[in-house]
Amino acid sequence: MATSQSASRGQIWLIDAMVSGAMIAMIVFMMLGTSDKMTQNYRNANSEISFSNALLAASDSLVLTPGSPANWESTTIDGTGLSSFGLASSSNVISPAKAAAMQSLNATNYSTIKAALGLGAVNVSIEISNLSDSTTLYSFGVAPPGTARSAVFERVALLNNSAVLVKVTAG
């Protein structure tokens, strides 16, 4: 009897091998599925961060720079002449001439202006309103549909020595 016990200790039964192989395969597939899900979550988060950074850069450009060329409001805008878009006569001071020109260019140069803001692939809406009573003074663009991913940046600036809110919506 002693010899038969020692002979059976080293044997692997076929069912044991199949169960352990199935368990290892299941663990590997779960790890791959988790990795794919984490990669997709990372891509989504990275896309959202890139979108927010582009919108922040656009709002900075609007209220901090005059654009390039700096006198764009007095020239003819075409597809190649405007390399950046800004409304400021100085930092955080909106030029009334630039704001009026922006509003008048809405029908003819919407795509050129949103491309110069770095937001060419999305709908862009810019609204300049009085800070004290929320009266809209100037508006531009197309608001993103309610079903689209959108973000809003609001900046406070001066226009004719009055505080205004510059609201940029993109999506």
N, C-alpha and C. Protein backbone atom coordinates (compact mmCIF):
# COMPACT_ATOMS: atom_id res chain seq x y z
N MET A 1 0.80 -1.18 0.00
CA MET A 1 0.00 0.00 0.00
C MET A 1 0.85 1.25 0.00
N ALA A 2 1.96 1.21 0.60
CA ALA A 2 2.84 2.36 0.68
C ALA A 2 3.34 2.76 -0.70
N THR A 3 3.58 1.82 -1.57
CA THR A 3 4.09 2.14 -2.90
C THR A 3 3.01 2.76 -3.79
N SER A 4 1.77 2.40 -3.65
CA SER A 4 0.72 2.95 -4.51
C SER A 4 0.42 4.40 -4.14
N GLN A 5 0.59 4.78 -2.84
CA GLN A 5 0.36 6.17 -2.44
C GLN A 5 1.44 7.07 -2.99
N SER A 6 2.67 6.67 -2.96
CA SER A 6 3.76 7.50 -3.44
C SER A 6 3.72 7.63 -4.95
N ALA A 7 3.17 6.68 -5.67
CA ALA A 7 3.10 6.74 -7.13
C ALA A 7 2.01 7.70 -7.59
N SER A 8 0.95 7.94 -6.80
CA SER A 8 -0.14 8.80 -7.24
C SER A 8 0.05 10.25 -6.85
N ARG A 9 1.05 10.58 -6.08
CA ARG A 9 1.25 11.96 -5.64
C ARG A 9 1.68 12.88 -6.78
N GLY A 10 2.41 12.45 -7.71
CA GLY A 10 2.93 13.31 -8.78
C GLY A 10 2.03 13.40 -10.00
N GLN A 11 0.89 12.78 -10.01
CA GLN A 11 0.04 12.78 -11.18
C GLN A 11 -0.89 13.99 -11.19
N ILE A 12 -1.13 14.54 -12.40
CA ILE A 12 -2.10 15.61 -12.59
C ILE A 12 -3.26 15.01 -13.35
N TRP A 13 -4.41 15.19 -12.83
CA TRP A 13 -5.59 14.69 -13.49
C TRP A 13 -6.01 15.64 -14.59
N LEU A 14 -6.56 15.12 -15.63
CA LEU A 14 -6.97 15.90 -16.80
C LEU A 14 -7.97 17.00 -16.42
N ILE A 15 -8.91 16.71 -15.57
CA ILE A 15 -9.92 17.70 -15.15
C ILE A 15 -9.26 18.84 -14.38
N ASP A 16 -8.29 18.54 -13.51
CA ASP A 16 -7.58 19.57 -12.76
C ASP A 16 -6.83 20.50 -13.71
N ALA A 17 -6.18 19.95 -14.71
CA ALA A 17 -5.44 20.75 -15.68
C ALA A 17 -6.38 21.65 -16.48
N MET A 18 -7.52 21.13 -16.87
CA MET A 18 -8.47 21.92 -17.65
C MET A 18 -9.05 23.07 -16.81
N VAL A 19 -9.38 22.82 -15.58
CA VAL A 19 -9.94 23.86 -14.70
C VAL A 19 -8.90 24.94 -14.44
N SER A 20 -7.68 24.55 -14.14
CA SER A 20 -6.65 25.56 -13.88
C SER A 20 -6.32 26.35 -15.15
N GLY A 21 -6.31 25.71 -16.30
CA GLY A 21 -6.08 26.43 -17.56
C GLY A 21 -7.20 27.41 -17.86
N ALA A 22 -8.44 26.99 -17.59
CA ALA A 22 -9.58 27.90 -17.80
C ALA A 22 -9.50 29.09 -16.86
N MET A 23 -9.09 28.86 -15.63
CA MET A 23 -8.96 29.96 -14.66
C MET A 23 -7.87 30.94 -15.10
N ILE A 24 -6.75 30.44 -15.56
CA ILE A 24 -5.67 31.31 -16.03
C ILE A 24 -6.12 32.11 -17.24
N ALA A 25 -6.82 31.48 -18.18
CA ALA A 25 -7.32 32.17 -19.36
C ALA A 25 -8.32 33.25 -18.96
N MET A 26 -9.19 32.96 -17.99
CA MET A 26 -10.16 33.94 -17.54
C MET A 26 -9.47 35.15 -16.91
N ILE A 27 -8.45 34.91 -16.13
CA ILE A 27 -7.70 36.01 -15.51
C ILE A 27 -7.03 36.87 -16.57
N VAL A 28 -6.44 36.25 -17.57
CA VAL A 28 -5.78 36.99 -18.65
C VAL A 28 -6.80 37.85 -19.40
N PHE A 29 -7.97 37.29 -19.74
CA PHE A 29 -8.99 38.05 -20.47
C PHE A 29 -9.54 39.19 -19.62
N MET A 30 -9.69 39.01 -18.32
CA MET A 30 -10.15 40.09 -17.45
C MET A 30 -9.12 41.21 -17.40
N MET A 31 -7.84 40.85 -17.36
CA MET A 31 -6.79 41.86 -17.35
C MET A 31 -6.77 42.64 -18.66
N LEU A 32 -6.95 41.96 -19.78
CA LEU A 32 -6.98 42.66 -21.07
C LEU A 32 -8.19 43.59 -21.17
N GLY A 33 -9.34 43.14 -20.70
CA GLY A 33 -10.54 43.97 -20.73
C GLY A 33 -10.39 45.20 -19.85
N THR A 34 -9.79 45.04 -18.69
CA THR A 34 -9.56 46.17 -17.79
C THR A 34 -8.58 47.14 -18.41
N SER A 35 -7.55 46.64 -19.05
CA SER A 35 -6.57 47.49 -19.70
C SER A 35 -7.20 48.31 -20.82
N ASP A 36 -8.05 47.69 -21.64
CA ASP A 36 -8.73 48.42 -22.71
C ASP A 36 -9.64 49.50 -22.17
N LYS A 37 -10.36 49.20 -21.11
CA LYS A 37 -11.27 50.18 -20.50
C LYS A 37 -10.48 51.34 -19.92
N MET A 38 -9.38 51.04 -19.26
CA MET A 38 -8.55 52.11 -18.69
C MET A 38 -7.94 52.97 -19.79
N THR A 39 -7.52 52.36 -20.87
CA THR A 39 -6.96 53.12 -22.00
C THR A 39 -8.01 54.04 -22.60
N GLN A 40 -9.25 53.55 -22.76
CA GLN A 40 -10.32 54.38 -23.29
C GLN A 40 -10.66 55.52 -22.33
N ASN A 41 -10.67 55.27 -21.04
CA ASN A 41 -10.91 56.34 -20.06
C ASN A 41 -9.82 57.39 -20.13
N TYR A 42 -8.57 56.96 -20.29
CA TYR A 42 -7.46 57.89 -20.43
C TYR A 42 -7.62 58.75 -21.68
N ARG A 43 -7.99 58.13 -22.80
CA ARG A 43 -8.18 58.88 -24.04
C ARG A 43 -9.29 59.91 -23.90
N ASN A 44 -10.39 59.53 -23.26
CA ASN A 44 -11.50 60.46 -23.05
C ASN A 44 -11.08 61.64 -22.18
N ALA A 45 -10.38 61.35 -21.10
CA ALA A 45 -9.91 62.41 -20.20
C ALA A 45 -8.92 63.32 -20.91
N ASN A 46 -8.03 62.74 -21.70
CA ASN A 46 -7.06 63.54 -22.44
C ASN A 46 -7.75 64.44 -23.47
N SER A 47 -8.78 63.93 -24.12
CA SER A 47 -9.55 64.72 -25.07
C SER A 47 -10.24 65.90 -24.39
N GLU A 48 -10.82 65.66 -23.22
CA GLU A 48 -11.49 66.73 -22.47
C GLU A 48 -10.49 67.79 -22.03
N ILE A 49 -9.33 67.38 -21.58
CA ILE A 49 -8.31 68.33 -21.14
C ILE A 49 -7.82 69.16 -22.33
N SER A 50 -7.59 68.52 -23.46
CA SER A 50 -7.15 69.24 -24.66
C SER A 50 -8.20 70.25 -25.10
N PHE A 51 -9.47 69.85 -25.07
CA PHE A 51 -10.57 70.75 -25.43
C PHE A 51 -10.63 71.95 -24.49
N SER A 52 -10.52 71.70 -23.19
CA SER A 52 -10.54 72.80 -22.21
C SER A 52 -9.34 73.72 -22.37
N ASN A 53 -8.17 73.16 -22.65
CA ASN A 53 -6.98 73.98 -22.87
C ASN A 53 -7.12 74.85 -24.11
N ALA A 54 -7.71 74.31 -25.18
CA ALA A 54 -7.92 75.10 -26.40
C ALA A 54 -8.90 76.23 -26.14
N LEU A 55 -9.94 75.96 -25.37
CA LEU A 55 -10.92 77.01 -25.04
C LEU A 55 -10.31 78.06 -24.13
N LEU A 56 -9.49 77.67 -23.19
CA LEU A 56 -8.79 78.63 -22.34
C LEU A 56 -7.86 79.52 -23.16
N ALA A 57 -7.12 78.92 -24.09
CA ALA A 57 -6.23 79.70 -24.95
C ALA A 57 -7.02 80.69 -25.81
N ALA A 58 -8.19 80.27 -26.29
CA ALA A 58 -9.04 81.16 -27.09
C ALA A 58 -9.54 82.33 -26.25
N SER A 59 -9.97 82.06 -25.02
CA SER A 59 -10.45 83.15 -24.17
C SER A 59 -9.31 84.09 -23.79
N ASP A 60 -8.11 83.55 -23.57
CA ASP A 60 -6.93 84.39 -23.33
C ASP A 60 -6.67 85.29 -24.53
N SER A 61 -6.72 84.71 -25.71
CA SER A 61 -6.46 85.47 -26.94
C SER A 61 -7.47 86.61 -27.10
N LEU A 62 -8.71 86.35 -26.78
CA LEU A 62 -9.75 87.38 -26.94
C LEU A 62 -9.53 88.58 -26.04
N VAL A 63 -9.26 88.37 -24.77
CA VAL A 63 -9.21 89.49 -23.82
C VAL A 63 -7.81 90.01 -23.53
N LEU A 64 -6.78 89.31 -23.95
CA LEU A 64 -5.41 89.73 -23.64
C LEU A 64 -4.64 90.23 -24.84
N THR A 65 -5.06 89.92 -26.07
CA THR A 65 -4.29 90.29 -27.25
C THR A 65 -5.16 91.03 -28.27
N PRO A 66 -4.53 91.81 -29.13
CA PRO A 66 -5.29 92.48 -30.19
C PRO A 66 -5.51 91.58 -31.41
N GLY A 67 -4.86 90.43 -31.43
CA GLY A 67 -4.92 89.55 -32.60
C GLY A 67 -3.74 89.81 -33.50
N SER A 68 -3.65 89.05 -34.56
CA SER A 68 -2.56 89.22 -35.52
C SER A 68 -3.11 89.08 -36.93
N PRO A 69 -3.09 90.12 -37.71
CA PRO A 69 -2.50 91.44 -37.46
C PRO A 69 -3.30 92.23 -36.42
N ALA A 70 -2.61 93.14 -35.75
CA ALA A 70 -3.22 93.89 -34.66
C ALA A 70 -4.34 94.81 -35.14
N ASN A 71 -4.31 95.17 -36.40
CA ASN A 71 -5.35 96.06 -36.94
C ASN A 71 -6.35 95.29 -37.82
N TRP A 72 -6.66 94.07 -37.48
CA TRP A 72 -7.53 93.23 -38.31
C TRP A 72 -8.90 93.85 -38.53
N GLU A 73 -9.37 94.66 -37.59
CA GLU A 73 -10.71 95.23 -37.72
C GLU A 73 -10.81 96.27 -38.84
N SER A 74 -9.67 96.81 -39.28
CA SER A 74 -9.70 97.81 -40.35
C SER A 74 -9.19 97.26 -41.68
N THR A 75 -8.99 95.94 -41.74
CA THR A 75 -8.55 95.31 -42.99
C THR A 75 -9.59 94.31 -43.46
N THR A 76 -9.40 93.84 -44.66
CA THR A 76 -10.29 92.81 -45.20
C THR A 76 -9.81 91.45 -44.69
N ILE A 77 -10.72 90.73 -44.10
CA ILE A 77 -10.39 89.40 -43.57
C ILE A 77 -10.61 88.38 -44.68
N ASP A 78 -9.58 87.60 -44.93
CA ASP A 78 -9.74 86.47 -45.86
C ASP A 78 -9.22 85.21 -45.16
N GLY A 79 -9.21 84.12 -45.83
CA GLY A 79 -8.83 82.85 -45.22
C GLY A 79 -7.41 82.77 -44.72
N THR A 80 -6.49 83.63 -45.21
CA THR A 80 -5.08 83.53 -44.82
C THR A 80 -4.57 84.73 -44.05
N GLY A 81 -5.29 85.84 -44.01
CA GLY A 81 -4.78 87.08 -43.42
C GLY A 81 -4.83 87.15 -41.92
N LEU A 82 -5.64 86.34 -41.27
CA LEU A 82 -5.83 86.42 -39.83
C LEU A 82 -5.18 85.20 -39.17
N SER A 83 -4.05 85.42 -38.48
CA SER A 83 -3.38 84.28 -37.86
C SER A 83 -3.79 84.06 -36.41
N SER A 84 -4.24 85.11 -35.73
CA SER A 84 -4.82 84.95 -34.39
C SER A 84 -5.88 86.03 -34.21
N PHE A 85 -6.81 85.78 -33.32
CA PHE A 85 -7.95 86.68 -33.16
C PHE A 85 -7.99 87.19 -31.74
N GLY A 86 -8.08 88.50 -31.57
CA GLY A 86 -8.17 89.10 -30.25
C GLY A 86 -8.98 90.38 -30.31
N LEU A 87 -9.54 90.75 -29.18
CA LEU A 87 -10.39 91.94 -29.10
C LEU A 87 -9.79 93.05 -28.24
N ALA A 88 -8.63 92.83 -27.65
CA ALA A 88 -8.08 93.76 -26.66
C ALA A 88 -7.29 94.88 -27.30
N SER A 89 -7.50 96.10 -26.77
CA SER A 89 -6.62 97.21 -27.13
C SER A 89 -5.41 97.18 -26.21
N SER A 90 -5.60 96.70 -24.99
CA SER A 90 -4.53 96.36 -24.05
C SER A 90 -5.06 95.22 -23.18
N SER A 91 -4.24 94.68 -22.35
CA SER A 91 -4.62 93.51 -21.57
C SER A 91 -5.90 93.76 -20.76
N ASN A 92 -6.91 92.93 -20.99
CA ASN A 92 -8.21 92.99 -20.32
C ASN A 92 -9.00 94.27 -20.60
N VAL A 93 -8.69 94.95 -21.68
CA VAL A 93 -9.46 96.12 -22.13
C VAL A 93 -9.92 95.84 -23.56
N ILE A 94 -11.23 95.69 -23.73
CA ILE A 94 -11.80 95.36 -25.03
C ILE A 94 -11.94 96.62 -25.87
N SER A 95 -11.49 96.54 -27.10
CA SER A 95 -11.64 97.65 -28.05
C SER A 95 -13.06 97.64 -28.60
N PRO A 96 -13.80 98.75 -28.48
CA PRO A 96 -15.16 98.79 -29.03
C PRO A 96 -15.17 98.58 -30.55
N ALA A 97 -14.16 99.07 -31.24
CA ALA A 97 -14.09 98.90 -32.70
C ALA A 97 -13.90 97.42 -33.06
N LYS A 98 -13.06 96.71 -32.31
CA LYS A 98 -12.85 95.29 -32.58
C LYS A 98 -14.10 94.48 -32.24
N ALA A 99 -14.77 94.81 -31.15
CA ALA A 99 -15.99 94.09 -30.78
C ALA A 99 -17.08 94.29 -31.83
N ALA A 100 -17.23 95.52 -32.33
CA ALA A 100 -18.23 95.79 -33.37
C ALA A 100 -17.86 95.08 -34.67
N ALA A 101 -16.57 95.08 -35.01
CA ALA A 101 -16.13 94.39 -36.23
C ALA A 101 -16.35 92.88 -36.10
N MET A 102 -16.11 92.32 -34.91
CA MET A 102 -16.34 90.90 -34.70
C MET A 102 -17.81 90.56 -34.95
N GLN A 103 -18.69 91.37 -34.41
CA GLN A 103 -20.12 91.11 -34.58
C GLN A 103 -20.53 91.22 -36.04
N SER A 104 -19.99 92.18 -36.77
CA SER A 104 -20.36 92.34 -38.18
C SER A 104 -19.78 91.25 -39.07
N LEU A 105 -18.68 90.62 -38.64
CA LEU A 105 -18.06 89.54 -39.43
C LEU A 105 -18.71 88.19 -39.21
N ASN A 106 -19.69 88.11 -38.34
CA ASN A 106 -20.32 86.84 -38.00
C ASN A 106 -20.87 86.13 -39.23
N ALA A 107 -21.54 86.86 -40.11
CA ALA A 107 -22.19 86.24 -41.27
C ALA A 107 -21.20 85.83 -42.35
N THR A 108 -20.08 86.56 -42.46
CA THR A 108 -19.17 86.32 -43.59
C THR A 108 -17.90 85.57 -43.23
N ASN A 109 -17.43 85.68 -42.00
CA ASN A 109 -16.12 85.12 -41.66
C ASN A 109 -16.14 84.29 -40.38
N TYR A 110 -17.25 83.66 -40.11
CA TYR A 110 -17.37 82.83 -38.89
C TYR A 110 -16.28 81.75 -38.85
N SER A 111 -16.12 81.02 -39.93
CA SER A 111 -15.15 79.91 -39.96
C SER A 111 -13.72 80.41 -39.82
N THR A 112 -13.40 81.54 -40.44
CA THR A 112 -12.04 82.09 -40.37
C THR A 112 -11.72 82.51 -38.93
N ILE A 113 -12.66 83.15 -38.28
CA ILE A 113 -12.42 83.63 -36.92
C ILE A 113 -12.30 82.47 -35.94
N LYS A 114 -13.18 81.49 -36.04
CA LYS A 114 -13.06 80.37 -35.09
C LYS A 114 -11.79 79.56 -35.34
N ALA A 115 -11.32 79.49 -36.58
CA ALA A 115 -10.04 78.83 -36.86
C ALA A 115 -8.88 79.64 -36.27
N ALA A 116 -8.96 80.98 -36.35
CA ALA A 116 -7.91 81.82 -35.77
C ALA A 116 -7.89 81.73 -34.24
N LEU A 117 -9.01 81.36 -33.65
CA LEU A 117 -9.07 81.14 -32.21
C LEU A 117 -8.56 79.75 -31.82
N GLY A 118 -8.33 78.89 -32.79
CA GLY A 118 -7.89 77.53 -32.52
C GLY A 118 -9.04 76.59 -32.23
N LEU A 119 -10.26 76.99 -32.60
CA LEU A 119 -11.45 76.19 -32.33
C LEU A 119 -12.20 75.88 -33.62
N GLY A 120 -11.47 75.64 -34.69
CA GLY A 120 -12.08 75.45 -36.00
C GLY A 120 -12.98 74.24 -36.12
N ALA A 121 -12.81 73.24 -35.28
CA ALA A 121 -13.57 71.99 -35.42
C ALA A 121 -14.89 71.98 -34.65
N VAL A 122 -15.17 73.05 -33.89
CA VAL A 122 -16.37 73.06 -33.05
C VAL A 122 -17.17 74.34 -33.28
N ASN A 123 -18.40 74.37 -32.83
CA ASN A 123 -19.20 75.59 -32.85
C ASN A 123 -18.69 76.52 -31.75
N VAL A 124 -18.65 77.82 -32.06
CA VAL A 124 -18.13 78.81 -31.12
C VAL A 124 -19.13 79.95 -31.01
N SER A 125 -19.36 80.37 -29.79
CA SER A 125 -20.22 81.52 -29.52
C SER A 125 -19.48 82.45 -28.56
N ILE A 126 -19.44 83.74 -28.89
CA ILE A 126 -18.81 84.75 -28.04
C ILE A 126 -19.86 85.79 -27.72
N GLU A 127 -19.97 86.12 -26.46
CA GLU A 127 -20.93 87.12 -26.03
C GLU A 127 -20.26 88.08 -25.08
N ILE A 128 -20.40 89.37 -25.35
CA ILE A 128 -19.89 90.40 -24.45
C ILE A 128 -21.10 91.09 -23.85
N SER A 129 -21.21 91.01 -22.53
CA SER A 129 -22.38 91.59 -21.87
C SER A 129 -21.95 92.48 -20.71
N ASN A 130 -22.82 93.42 -20.39
CA ASN A 130 -22.58 94.32 -19.28
C ASN A 130 -22.59 93.51 -17.99
N LEU A 131 -21.60 93.71 -17.16
CA LEU A 131 -21.49 92.92 -15.94
C LEU A 131 -22.57 93.28 -14.92
N SER A 132 -22.99 94.53 -14.91
CA SER A 132 -23.95 94.97 -13.88
C SER A 132 -25.38 94.51 -14.17
N ASP A 133 -25.81 94.53 -15.43
CA ASP A 133 -27.21 94.17 -15.70
C ASP A 133 -27.36 93.05 -16.74
N SER A 134 -26.29 92.42 -17.14
CA SER A 134 -26.29 91.29 -18.08
C SER A 134 -26.84 91.61 -19.46
N THR A 135 -26.88 92.87 -19.84
CA THR A 135 -27.32 93.27 -21.17
C THR A 135 -26.26 92.86 -22.19
N THR A 136 -26.68 92.16 -23.23
CA THR A 136 -25.74 91.75 -24.27
C THR A 136 -25.38 92.95 -25.13
N LEU A 137 -24.08 93.23 -25.21
CA LEU A 137 -23.59 94.36 -26.01
C LEU A 137 -23.15 93.91 -27.40
N TYR A 138 -22.43 92.79 -27.47
CA TYR A 138 -21.94 92.24 -28.73
C TYR A 138 -22.07 90.73 -28.67
N SER A 139 -22.37 90.13 -29.81
CA SER A 139 -22.42 88.66 -29.87
C SER A 139 -21.86 88.20 -31.20
N PHE A 140 -21.39 86.97 -31.20
CA PHE A 140 -20.77 86.39 -32.38
C PHE A 140 -20.93 84.89 -32.32
N GLY A 141 -21.12 84.27 -33.48
CA GLY A 141 -21.01 82.84 -33.59
C GLY A 141 -22.29 82.06 -33.46
N VAL A 142 -22.10 80.75 -33.36
CA VAL A 142 -23.20 79.80 -33.28
C VAL A 142 -23.02 79.00 -31.98
N ALA A 143 -24.04 79.04 -31.15
CA ALA A 143 -23.97 78.28 -29.90
C ALA A 143 -24.03 76.79 -30.21
N PRO A 144 -23.27 75.99 -29.48
CA PRO A 144 -23.32 74.54 -29.71
C PRO A 144 -24.70 74.00 -29.36
N PRO A 145 -25.13 72.96 -30.07
CA PRO A 145 -26.43 72.37 -29.74
C PRO A 145 -26.42 71.78 -28.33
N GLY A 146 -27.59 71.69 -27.74
CA GLY A 146 -27.70 71.18 -26.38
C GLY A 146 -27.23 69.75 -26.22
N THR A 147 -27.19 69.00 -27.31
CA THR A 147 -26.77 67.61 -27.23
C THR A 147 -25.26 67.44 -27.34
N ALA A 148 -24.57 68.50 -27.73
CA ALA A 148 -23.12 68.40 -27.96
C ALA A 148 -22.35 68.62 -26.65
N ARG A 149 -21.14 68.10 -26.63
CA ARG A 149 -20.22 68.37 -25.53
C ARG A 149 -19.83 69.84 -25.66
N SER A 150 -20.00 70.61 -24.61
CA SER A 150 -19.64 72.02 -24.68
C SER A 150 -19.02 72.46 -23.37
N ALA A 151 -18.31 73.57 -23.45
CA ALA A 151 -17.68 74.17 -22.28
C ALA A 151 -17.79 75.68 -22.41
N VAL A 152 -17.77 76.35 -21.27
CA VAL A 152 -17.91 77.80 -21.23
C VAL A 152 -16.77 78.38 -20.41
N PHE A 153 -16.15 79.44 -20.93
CA PHE A 153 -15.17 80.21 -20.18
C PHE A 153 -15.68 81.63 -20.12
N GLU A 154 -15.66 82.21 -18.94
CA GLU A 154 -16.08 83.59 -18.76
C GLU A 154 -14.91 84.41 -18.23
N ARG A 155 -14.73 85.59 -18.82
CA ARG A 155 -13.65 86.48 -18.43
C ARG A 155 -14.22 87.86 -18.16
N VAL A 156 -13.69 88.55 -17.18
CA VAL A 156 -14.10 89.92 -16.89
C VAL A 156 -13.07 90.84 -17.52
N ALA A 157 -13.58 91.88 -18.20
CA ALA A 157 -12.71 92.85 -18.86
C ALA A 157 -13.37 94.22 -18.80
N LEU A 158 -12.71 95.20 -19.38
CA LEU A 158 -13.26 96.56 -19.45
C LEU A 158 -13.62 96.89 -20.90
N LEU A 159 -14.73 97.57 -21.07
CA LEU A 159 -15.15 98.08 -22.38
C LEU A 159 -15.73 99.47 -22.13
N ASN A 160 -15.12 100.49 -22.70
CA ASN A 160 -15.54 101.88 -22.47
C ASN A 160 -15.59 102.20 -20.97
N ASN A 161 -14.57 101.77 -20.23
CA ASN A 161 -14.43 101.99 -18.79
C ASN A 161 -15.54 101.36 -17.96
N SER A 162 -16.25 100.40 -18.49
CA SER A 162 -17.27 99.66 -17.75
C SER A 162 -16.89 98.18 -17.74
N ALA A 163 -17.20 97.52 -16.64
CA ALA A 163 -16.89 96.09 -16.52
C ALA A 163 -17.85 95.29 -17.40
N VAL A 164 -17.28 94.37 -18.18
CA VAL A 164 -18.08 93.50 -19.04
C VAL A 164 -17.66 92.06 -18.80
N LEU A 165 -18.55 91.16 -19.17
CA LEU A 165 -18.28 89.73 -19.09
C LEU A 165 -18.13 89.20 -20.52
N VAL A 166 -16.98 88.62 -20.81
CA VAL A 166 -16.74 88.01 -22.12
C VAL A 166 -16.93 86.51 -21.92
N LYS A 167 -17.95 85.98 -22.56
CA LYS A 167 -18.32 84.56 -22.40
C LYS A 167 -18.06 83.84 -23.71
N VAL A 168 -17.21 82.83 -23.65
CA VAL A 168 -16.87 82.02 -24.82
C VAL A 168 -17.43 80.62 -24.59
N THR A 169 -18.30 80.19 -25.51
CA THR A 169 -18.88 78.85 -25.43
C THR A 169 -18.45 78.08 -26.67
N ALA A 170 -17.99 76.87 -26.49
CA ALA A 170 -17.57 76.05 -27.62
C ALA A 170 -18.04 74.61 -27.40
N GLY A 171 -18.35 73.95 -28.48
CA GLY A 171 -18.77 72.56 -28.38
C GLY A 171 -19.14 71.99 -29.70
